[in-house]
Amino acid sequence: MFRPLSILILLSALLFSAPHYTVRLAVFKHNSNLKKGLSKFPPALRKTVRTYKIGRKTFVHTLPTKNKRLLKKILPAYRKHFRDAYISKTTLR
């Protein structure tokens, strides 16, 4: 009885942990460059951008989503301002 139950729990965890994707936009050392870069974005795109800081660097990315097709469609809009933007898998914490 224990073995089938443990396999069922493992499979359900794998099903519910679908990968999330995000667009990695840029990394900045200076906040003035970050503000200048983000000010060029249309308001609709600006709402999807999130930042986090590690040490002296500020990382800029979009909100995570499971819909990779949607990110592929809007990636050119991000690349107009950040030409090195790319789609990446991410883990949610």
PDB file of N, CA and C in Angstrom:
ATOM      1  N   MET A   1       0.813  -1.195   0.000  1.00  0.00           N
ATOM      2  CA  MET A   1       0.000   0.000   0.000  1.00  0.00           C
ATOM      3  C   MET A   1       0.853   1.254   0.000  1.00  0.00           C
ATOM      4  N   PHE A   2       1.944   1.216   0.698  1.00  0.00           N
ATOM      5  CA  PHE A   2       2.794   2.405   0.790  1.00  0.00           C
ATOM      6  C   PHE A   2       3.416   2.776  -0.550  1.00  0.00           C
ATOM      7  N   ARG A   3       3.825   1.818  -1.318  1.00  0.00           N
ATOM      8  CA  ARG A   3       4.508   2.098  -2.579  1.00  0.00           C
ATOM      9  C   ARG A   3       3.604   2.796  -3.606  1.00  0.00           C
ATOM     10  N   PRO A   4       2.403   2.316  -3.905  1.00  0.00           N
ATOM     11  CA  PRO A   4       1.548   3.023  -4.863  1.00  0.00           C
ATOM     12  C   PRO A   4       1.187   4.429  -4.394  1.00  0.00           C
ATOM     13  N   LEU A   5       1.014   4.607  -3.105  1.00  0.00           N
ATOM     14  CA  LEU A   5       0.687   5.923  -2.580  1.00  0.00           C
ATOM     15  C   LEU A   5       1.846   6.895  -2.795  1.00  0.00           C
ATOM     16  N   SER A   6       3.052   6.446  -2.542  1.00  0.00           N
ATOM     17  CA  SER A   6       4.216   7.327  -2.721  1.00  0.00           C
ATOM     18  C   SER A   6       4.426   7.667  -4.196  1.00  0.00           C
ATOM     19  N   ILE A   7       4.168   6.739  -5.084  1.00  0.00           N
ATOM     20  CA  ILE A   7       4.288   7.015  -6.521  1.00  0.00           C
ATOM     21  C   ILE A   7       3.229   8.019  -6.952  1.00  0.00           C
ATOM     22  N   LEU A   8       2.026   7.878  -6.442  1.00  0.00           N
ATOM     23  CA  LEU A   8       0.950   8.819  -6.752  1.00  0.00           C
ATOM     24  C   LEU A   8       1.295  10.232  -6.272  1.00  0.00           C
ATOM     25  N   ILE A   9       1.839  10.353  -5.086  1.00  0.00           N
ATOM     26  CA  ILE A   9       2.230  11.663  -4.551  1.00  0.00           C
ATOM     27  C   ILE A   9       3.340  12.271  -5.396  1.00  0.00           C
ATOM     28  N   LEU A  10       4.304  11.487  -5.789  1.00  0.00           N
ATOM     29  CA  LEU A  10       5.406  11.974  -6.619  1.00  0.00           C
ATOM     30  C   LEU A  10       4.907  12.457  -7.977  1.00  0.00           C
ATOM     31  N   LEU A  11       4.028  11.703  -8.601  1.00  0.00           N
ATOM     32  CA  LEU A  11       3.491  12.101  -9.907  1.00  0.00           C
ATOM     33  C   LEU A  11       2.635  13.356  -9.806  1.00  0.00           C
ATOM     34  N   SER A  12       1.849  13.479  -8.769  1.00  0.00           N
ATOM     35  CA  SER A  12       1.026  14.683  -8.628  1.00  0.00           C
ATOM     36  C   SER A  12       1.896  15.911  -8.403  1.00  0.00           C
ATOM     37  N   ALA A  13       2.980  15.771  -7.697  1.00  0.00           N
ATOM     38  CA  ALA A  13       3.894  16.900  -7.495  1.00  0.00           C
ATOM     39  C   ALA A  13       4.525  17.317  -8.815  1.00  0.00           C
ATOM     40  N   LEU A  14       4.857  16.367  -9.646  1.00  0.00           N
ATOM     41  CA  LEU A  14       5.445  16.689 -10.952  1.00  0.00           C
ATOM     42  C   LEU A  14       4.432  17.381 -11.862  1.00  0.00           C
ATOM     43  N   LEU A  15       3.185  16.972 -11.790  1.00  0.00           N
ATOM     44  CA  LEU A  15       2.161  17.585 -12.625  1.00  0.00           C
ATOM     45  C   LEU A  15       1.892  19.031 -12.228  1.00  0.00           C
ATOM     46  N   PHE A  16       1.905  19.308 -10.944  1.00  0.00           N
ATOM     47  CA  PHE A  16       1.594  20.657 -10.477  1.00  0.00           C
ATOM     48  C   PHE A  16       2.792  21.600 -10.523  1.00  0.00           C
ATOM     49  N   SER A  17       3.961  21.082 -10.764  1.00  0.00           N
ATOM     50  CA  SER A  17       5.145  21.938 -10.808  1.00  0.00           C
ATOM     51  C   SER A  17       5.569  22.188 -12.254  1.00  0.00           C
ATOM     52  N   ALA A  18       4.650  22.652 -13.071  1.00  0.00           N
ATOM     53  CA  ALA A  18       4.952  22.984 -14.457  1.00  0.00           C
ATOM     54  C   ALA A  18       5.947  24.143 -14.487  1.00  0.00           C
ATOM     55  N   PRO A  19       6.814  24.159 -15.479  1.00  0.00           N
ATOM     56  CA  PRO A  19       7.831  25.218 -15.520  1.00  0.00           C
ATOM     57  C   PRO A  19       7.216  26.584 -15.787  1.00  0.00           C
ATOM     58  N   HIS A  20       7.823  27.581 -15.232  1.00  0.00           N
ATOM     59  CA  HIS A  20       7.449  28.964 -15.477  1.00  0.00           C
ATOM     60  C   HIS A  20       8.541  29.604 -16.322  1.00  0.00           C
ATOM     61  N   TYR A  21       8.145  30.578 -17.124  1.00  0.00           N
ATOM     62  CA  TYR A  21       9.085  31.263 -18.002  1.00  0.00           C
ATOM     63  C   TYR A  21       9.026  32.760 -17.738  1.00  0.00           C
ATOM     64  N   THR A  22      10.122  33.415 -18.002  1.00  0.00           N
ATOM     65  CA  THR A  22      10.210  34.853 -17.863  1.00  0.00           C
ATOM     66  C   THR A  22      11.127  35.393 -18.955  1.00  0.00           C
ATOM     67  N   VAL A  23      11.006  36.662 -19.251  1.00  0.00           N
ATOM     68  CA  VAL A  23      11.925  37.302 -20.194  1.00  0.00           C
ATOM     69  C   VAL A  23      12.973  38.030 -19.364  1.00  0.00           C
ATOM     70  N   ARG A  24      14.211  37.633 -19.541  1.00  0.00           N
ATOM     71  CA  ARG A  24      15.324  38.306 -18.865  1.00  0.00           C
ATOM     72  C   ARG A  24      15.695  39.506 -19.728  1.00  0.00           C
ATOM     73  N   LEU A  25      15.603  40.687 -19.177  1.00  0.00           N
ATOM     74  CA  LEU A  25      15.799  41.898 -19.953  1.00  0.00           C
ATOM     75  C   LEU A  25      17.214  42.444 -19.850  1.00  0.00           C
ATOM     76  N   ALA A  26      17.690  42.679 -18.638  1.00  0.00           N
ATOM     77  CA  ALA A  26      18.991  43.322 -18.499  1.00  0.00           C
ATOM     78  C   ALA A  26      19.496  43.212 -17.065  1.00  0.00           C
ATOM     79  N   VAL A  27      20.758  43.590 -16.904  1.00  0.00           N
ATOM     80  CA  VAL A  27      21.386  43.719 -15.597  1.00  0.00           C
ATOM     81  C   VAL A  27      22.043  45.094 -15.560  1.00  0.00           C
ATOM     82  N   PHE A  28      21.783  45.834 -14.488  1.00  0.00           N
ATOM     83  CA  PHE A  28      22.313  47.197 -14.362  1.00  0.00           C
ATOM     84  C   PHE A  28      23.154  47.339 -13.106  1.00  0.00           C
ATOM     85  N   LYS A  29      24.205  48.154 -13.207  1.00  0.00           N
ATOM     86  CA  LYS A  29      24.982  48.532 -12.028  1.00  0.00           C
ATOM     87  C   LYS A  29      24.459  49.826 -11.425  1.00  0.00           C
ATOM     88  N   HIS A  30      23.974  50.723 -12.279  1.00  0.00           N
ATOM     89  CA  HIS A  30      23.545  52.041 -11.823  1.00  0.00           C
ATOM     90  C   HIS A  30      22.038  52.206 -12.016  1.00  0.00           C
ATOM     91  N   ASN A  31      21.370  52.671 -10.995  1.00  0.00           N
ATOM     92  CA  ASN A  31      19.916  52.841 -11.060  1.00  0.00           C
ATOM     93  C   ASN A  31      19.499  53.901 -12.071  1.00  0.00           C
ATOM     94  N   SER A  32      20.356  54.876 -12.343  1.00  0.00           N
ATOM     95  CA  SER A  32      19.993  55.905 -13.316  1.00  0.00           C
ATOM     96  C   SER A  32      19.825  55.292 -14.707  1.00  0.00           C
ATOM     97  N   ASN A  33      20.683  54.343 -15.065  1.00  0.00           N
ATOM     98  CA  ASN A  33      20.551  53.657 -16.359  1.00  0.00           C
ATOM     99  C   ASN A  33      19.299  52.796 -16.393  1.00  0.00           C
ATOM    100  N   LEU A  34      18.973  52.196 -15.279  1.00  0.00           N
ATOM    101  CA  LEU A  34      17.765  51.374 -15.177  1.00  0.00           C
ATOM    102  C   LEU A  34      16.526  52.233 -15.401  1.00  0.00           C
ATOM    103  N   LYS A  35      16.442  53.355 -14.713  1.00  0.00           N
ATOM    104  CA  LYS A  35      15.282  54.244 -14.856  1.00  0.00           C
ATOM    105  C   LYS A  35      15.169  54.776 -16.274  1.00  0.00           C
ATOM    106  N   LYS A  36      16.297  55.107 -16.874  1.00  0.00           N
ATOM    107  CA  LYS A  36      16.301  55.613 -18.248  1.00  0.00           C
ATOM    108  C   LYS A  36      15.809  54.545 -19.223  1.00  0.00           C
ATOM    109  N   GLY A  37      16.246  53.313 -19.037  1.00  0.00           N
ATOM    110  CA  GLY A  37      15.825  52.223 -19.912  1.00  0.00           C
ATOM    111  C   GLY A  37      14.352  51.897 -19.770  1.00  0.00           C
ATOM    112  N   LEU A  38      13.862  51.885 -18.545  1.00  0.00           N
ATOM    113  CA  LEU A  38      12.458  51.549 -18.318  1.00  0.00           C
ATOM    114  C   LEU A  38      11.514  52.682 -18.703  1.00  0.00           C
ATOM    115  N   SER A  39      11.999  53.905 -18.704  1.00  0.00           N
ATOM    116  CA  SER A  39      11.129  55.030 -19.066  1.00  0.00           C
ATOM    117  C   SER A  39      10.736  54.990 -20.543  1.00  0.00           C
ATOM    118  N   LYS A  40      11.483  54.271 -21.354  1.00  0.00           N
ATOM    119  CA  LYS A  40      11.179  54.154 -22.784  1.00  0.00           C
ATOM    120  C   LYS A  40      10.057  53.160 -23.055  1.00  0.00           C
ATOM    121  N   PHE A  41       9.753  52.312 -22.081  1.00  0.00           N
ATOM    122  CA  PHE A  41       8.715  51.296 -22.255  1.00  0.00           C
ATOM    123  C   PHE A  41       7.330  51.921 -22.263  1.00  0.00           C
ATOM    124  N   PRO A  42       6.408  51.367 -23.064  1.00  0.00           N
ATOM    125  CA  PRO A  42       5.002  51.768 -22.945  1.00  0.00           C
ATOM    126  C   PRO A  42       4.468  51.332 -21.571  1.00  0.00           C
ATOM    127  N   PRO A  43       3.482  52.030 -21.046  1.00  0.00           N
ATOM    128  CA  PRO A  43       2.965  51.692 -19.702  1.00  0.00           C
ATOM    129  C   PRO A  43       2.507  50.242 -19.549  1.00  0.00           C
ATOM    130  N   ALA A  44       1.938  49.666 -20.590  1.00  0.00           N
ATOM    131  CA  ALA A  44       1.455  48.276 -20.491  1.00  0.00           C
ATOM    132  C   ALA A  44       2.617  47.309 -20.274  1.00  0.00           C
ATOM    133  N   LEU A  45       3.736  47.539 -20.946  1.00  0.00           N
ATOM    134  CA  LEU A  45       4.898  46.670 -20.759  1.00  0.00           C
ATOM    135  C   LEU A  45       5.598  46.961 -19.440  1.00  0.00           C
ATOM    136  N   ARG A  46       5.597  48.199 -19.028  1.00  0.00           N
ATOM    137  CA  ARG A  46       6.273  48.588 -17.790  1.00  0.00           C
ATOM    138  C   ARG A  46       5.649  47.894 -16.586  1.00  0.00           C
ATOM    139  N   LYS A  47       4.347  47.619 -16.652  1.00  0.00           N
ATOM    140  CA  LYS A  47       3.663  46.951 -15.540  1.00  0.00           C
ATOM    141  C   LYS A  47       4.112  45.503 -15.374  1.00  0.00           C
ATOM    142  N   THR A  48       4.651  44.904 -16.419  1.00  0.00           N
ATOM    143  CA  THR A  48       5.054  43.496 -16.356  1.00  0.00           C
ATOM    144  C   THR A  48       6.496  43.319 -15.918  1.00  0.00           C
ATOM    145  N   VAL A  49       7.221  44.400 -15.724  1.00  0.00           N
ATOM    146  CA  VAL A  49       8.649  44.331 -15.410  1.00  0.00           C
ATOM    147  C   VAL A  49       8.858  44.316 -13.898  1.00  0.00           C
ATOM    148  N   ARG A  50       9.736  43.431 -13.449  1.00  0.00           N
ATOM    149  CA  ARG A  50      10.113  43.331 -12.042  1.00  0.00           C
ATOM    150  C   ARG A  50      11.633  43.396 -11.937  1.00  0.00           C
ATOM    151  N   THR A  51      12.111  43.902 -10.810  1.00  0.00           N
ATOM    152  CA  THR A  51      13.550  43.988 -10.582  1.00  0.00           C
ATOM    153  C   THR A  51      13.885  43.336  -9.246  1.00  0.00           C
ATOM    154  N   TYR A  52      15.107  42.870  -9.135  1.00  0.00           N
ATOM    155  CA  TYR A  52      15.621  42.417  -7.847  1.00  0.00           C
ATOM    156  C   TYR A  52      17.110  42.686  -7.828  1.00  0.00           C
ATOM    157  N   LYS A  53      17.631  42.874  -6.650  1.00  0.00           N
ATOM    158  CA  LYS A  53      19.016  43.284  -6.495  1.00  0.00           C
ATOM    159  C   LYS A  53      19.813  42.187  -5.802  1.00  0.00           C
ATOM    160  N   ILE A  54      20.981  41.905  -6.361  1.00  0.00           N
ATOM    161  CA  ILE A  54      21.932  40.996  -5.736  1.00  0.00           C
ATOM    162  C   ILE A  54      23.269  41.731  -5.719  1.00  0.00           C
ATOM    163  N   GLY A  55      23.710  42.058  -4.535  1.00  0.00           N
ATOM    164  CA  GLY A  55      24.936  42.841  -4.414  1.00  0.00           C
ATOM    165  C   GLY A  55      24.725  44.225  -4.994  1.00  0.00           C
ATOM    166  N   ARG A  56      25.585  44.623  -5.923  1.00  0.00           N
ATOM    167  CA  ARG A  56      25.477  45.942  -6.555  1.00  0.00           C
ATOM    168  C   ARG A  56      24.699  45.899  -7.871  1.00  0.00           C
ATOM    169  N   LYS A  57      24.332  44.722  -8.317  1.00  0.00           N
ATOM    170  CA  LYS A  57      23.656  44.586  -9.608  1.00  0.00           C
ATOM    171  C   LYS A  57      22.142  44.479  -9.434  1.00  0.00           C
ATOM    172  N   THR A  58      21.424  45.124 -10.351  1.00  0.00           N
ATOM    173  CA  THR A  58      19.969  45.050 -10.383  1.00  0.00           C
ATOM    174  C   THR A  58      19.555  44.254 -11.614  1.00  0.00           C
ATOM    175  N   PHE A  59      18.820  43.180 -11.409  1.00  0.00           N
ATOM    176  CA  PHE A  59      18.367  42.304 -12.486  1.00  0.00           C
ATOM    177  C   PHE A  59      16.948  42.689 -12.868  1.00  0.00           C
ATOM    178  N   VAL A  60      16.689  42.753 -14.163  1.00  0.00           N
ATOM    179  CA  VAL A  60      15.383  43.162 -14.669  1.00  0.00           C
ATOM    180  C   VAL A  60      14.786  42.006 -15.470  1.00  0.00           C
ATOM    181  N   HIS A  61      13.563  41.629 -15.142  1.00  0.00           N
ATOM    182  CA  HIS A  61      12.879  40.534 -15.832  1.00  0.00           C
ATOM    183  C   HIS A  61      11.382  40.797 -15.827  1.00  0.00           C
ATOM    184  N   THR A  62      10.633  39.978 -16.555  1.00  0.00           N
ATOM    185  CA  THR A  62       9.183  40.106 -16.584  1.00  0.00           C
ATOM    186  C   THR A  62       8.563  39.197 -15.524  1.00  0.00           C
ATOM    187  N   LEU A  63       7.275  39.353 -15.336  1.00  0.00           N
ATOM    188  CA  LEU A  63       6.549  38.467 -14.428  1.00  0.00           C
ATOM    189  C   LEU A  63       6.612  37.040 -14.957  1.00  0.00           C
ATOM    190  N   PRO A  64       6.762  36.046 -14.091  1.00  0.00           N
ATOM    191  CA  PRO A  64       6.791  34.660 -14.559  1.00  0.00           C
ATOM    192  C   PRO A  64       5.416  34.204 -15.029  1.00  0.00           C
ATOM    193  N   THR A  65       5.417  33.360 -16.067  1.00  0.00           N
ATOM    194  CA  THR A  65       4.185  32.805 -16.604  1.00  0.00           C
ATOM    195  C   THR A  65       4.449  31.397 -17.121  1.00  0.00           C
ATOM    196  N   LYS A  66       3.396  30.604 -17.201  1.00  0.00           N
ATOM    197  CA  LYS A  66       3.519  29.262 -17.774  1.00  0.00           C
ATOM    198  C   LYS A  66       3.352  29.294 -19.290  1.00  0.00           C
ATOM    199  N   ASN A  67       2.859  30.408 -19.818  1.00  0.00           N
ATOM    200  CA  ASN A  67       2.534  30.534 -21.234  1.00  0.00           C
ATOM    201  C   ASN A  67       3.748  31.029 -22.032  1.00  0.00           C
ATOM    202  N   LYS A  68       4.558  30.108 -22.508  1.00  0.00           N
ATOM    203  CA  LYS A  68       5.759  30.474 -23.251  1.00  0.00           C
ATOM    204  C   LYS A  68       5.408  31.076 -24.619  1.00  0.00           C
ATOM    205  N   ARG A  69       4.299  30.640 -25.210  1.00  0.00           N
ATOM    206  CA  ARG A  69       3.877  31.192 -26.505  1.00  0.00           C
ATOM    207  C   ARG A  69       3.599  32.685 -26.417  1.00  0.00           C
ATOM    208  N   LEU A  70       2.976  33.097 -25.350  1.00  0.00           N
ATOM    209  CA  LEU A  70       2.701  34.518 -25.144  1.00  0.00           C
ATOM    210  C   LEU A  70       4.005  35.308 -25.056  1.00  0.00           C
ATOM    211  N   LEU A  71       4.966  34.786 -24.338  1.00  0.00           N
ATOM    212  CA  LEU A  71       6.256  35.472 -24.224  1.00  0.00           C
ATOM    213  C   LEU A  71       6.961  35.574 -25.575  1.00  0.00           C
ATOM    214  N   LYS A  72       6.820  34.528 -26.395  1.00  0.00           N
ATOM    215  CA  LYS A  72       7.433  34.576 -27.726  1.00  0.00           C
ATOM    216  C   LYS A  72       6.806  35.667 -28.587  1.00  0.00           C
ATOM    217  N   LYS A  73       5.504  35.894 -28.401  1.00  0.00           N
ATOM    218  CA  LYS A  73       4.816  36.933 -29.172  1.00  0.00           C
ATOM    219  C   LYS A  73       5.245  38.334 -28.762  1.00  0.00           C
ATOM    220  N   ILE A  74       5.440  38.555 -27.466  1.00  0.00           N
ATOM    221  CA  ILE A  74       5.768  39.906 -27.018  1.00  0.00           C
ATOM    222  C   ILE A  74       7.272  40.152 -26.869  1.00  0.00           C
ATOM    223  N   LEU A  75       8.081  39.141 -27.091  1.00  0.00           N
ATOM    224  CA  LEU A  75       9.536  39.307 -27.006  1.00  0.00           C
ATOM    225  C   LEU A  75      10.061  40.408 -27.932  1.00  0.00           C
ATOM    226  N   PRO A  76       9.587  40.531 -29.178  1.00  0.00           N
ATOM    227  CA  PRO A  76      10.077  41.633 -30.029  1.00  0.00           C
ATOM    228  C   PRO A  76       9.821  43.017 -29.438  1.00  0.00           C
ATOM    229  N   ALA A  77       8.733  43.187 -28.707  1.00  0.00           N
ATOM    230  CA  ALA A  77       8.452  44.483 -28.081  1.00  0.00           C
ATOM    231  C   ALA A  77       9.498  44.805 -27.009  1.00  0.00           C
ATOM    232  N   TYR A  78       9.921  43.795 -26.255  1.00  0.00           N
ATOM    233  CA  TYR A  78      10.969  44.006 -25.258  1.00  0.00           C
ATOM    234  C   TYR A  78      12.320  44.249 -25.933  1.00  0.00           C
ATOM    235  N   ARG A  79      12.551  43.566 -27.036  1.00  0.00           N
ATOM    236  CA  ARG A  79      13.838  43.702 -27.728  1.00  0.00           C
ATOM    237  C   ARG A  79      14.020  45.057 -28.412  1.00  0.00           C
ATOM    238  N   LYS A  80      12.955  45.796 -28.595  1.00  0.00           N
ATOM    239  CA  LYS A  80      13.099  47.142 -29.138  1.00  0.00           C
ATOM    240  C   LYS A  80      13.917  48.016 -28.195  1.00  0.00           C
ATOM    241  N   HIS A  81      13.813  47.744 -26.905  1.00  0.00           N
ATOM    242  CA  HIS A  81      14.500  48.553 -25.901  1.00  0.00           C
ATOM    243  C   HIS A  81      15.698  47.837 -25.284  1.00  0.00           C
ATOM    244  N   PHE A  82      15.608  46.526 -25.176  1.00  0.00           N
ATOM    245  CA  PHE A  82      16.707  45.718 -24.643  1.00  0.00           C
ATOM    246  C   PHE A  82      16.996  44.609 -25.650  1.00  0.00           C
ATOM    247  N   ARG A  83      17.938  44.835 -26.527  1.00  0.00           N
ATOM    248  CA  ARG A  83      18.157  43.921 -27.655  1.00  0.00           C
ATOM    249  C   ARG A  83      18.639  42.535 -27.242  1.00  0.00           C
ATOM    250  N   ASP A  84      19.169  42.399 -26.047  1.00  0.00           N
ATOM    251  CA  ASP A  84      19.661  41.100 -25.583  1.00  0.00           C
ATOM    252  C   ASP A  84      18.621  40.314 -24.783  1.00  0.00           C
ATOM    253  N   ALA A  85      17.386  40.756 -24.758  1.00  0.00           N
ATOM    254  CA  ALA A  85      16.342  40.085 -23.982  1.00  0.00           C
ATOM    255  C   ALA A  85      16.134  38.660 -24.501  1.00  0.00           C
ATOM    256  N   TYR A  86      15.889  37.744 -23.580  1.00  0.00           N
ATOM    257  CA  TYR A  86      15.658  36.345 -23.963  1.00  0.00           C
ATOM    258  C   TYR A  86      14.716  35.676 -22.973  1.00  0.00           C
ATOM    259  N   ILE A  87      14.094  34.599 -23.424  1.00  0.00           N
ATOM    260  CA  ILE A  87      13.163  33.828 -22.578  1.00  0.00           C
ATOM    261  C   ILE A  87      13.949  32.806 -21.803  1.00  0.00           C
ATOM    262  N   SER A  88      13.616  32.688 -20.529  1.00  0.00           N
ATOM    263  CA  SER A  88      14.342  31.785 -19.645  1.00  0.00           C
ATOM    264  C   SER A  88      13.370  31.047 -18.739  1.00  0.00           C
ATOM    265  N   LYS A  89      13.709  29.813 -18.370  1.00  0.00           N
ATOM    266  CA  LYS A  89      12.938  29.094 -17.360  1.00  0.00           C
ATOM    267  C   LYS A  89      13.291  29.679 -16.006  1.00  0.00           C
ATOM    268  N   THR A  90      12.332  29.680 -15.131  1.00  0.00           N
ATOM    269  CA  THR A  90      12.572  30.216 -13.799  1.00  0.00           C
ATOM    270  C   THR A  90      11.915  29.328 -12.757  1.00  0.00           C
ATOM    271  N   THR A  91      12.411  29.390 -11.550  1.00  0.00           N
ATOM    272  CA  THR A  91      11.793  28.664 -10.443  1.00  0.00           C
ATOM    273  C   THR A  91      11.144  29.673  -9.529  1.00  0.00           C
ATOM    274  N   LEU A  92       9.953  29.365  -9.090  1.00  0.00           N
ATOM    275  CA  LEU A  92       9.231  30.251  -8.184  1.00  0.00           C
ATOM    276  C   LEU A  92       9.566  29.882  -6.750  1.00  0.00           C
ATOM    277  N   ARG A  93       9.740  30.886  -5.922  1.00  0.00           N
ATOM    278  CA  ARG A  93      10.044  30.652  -4.518  1.00  0.00           C
ATOM    279  C   ARG A  93       8.976  31.214  -3.645  1.00  0.00           C
TER     280      ARG A  93
END
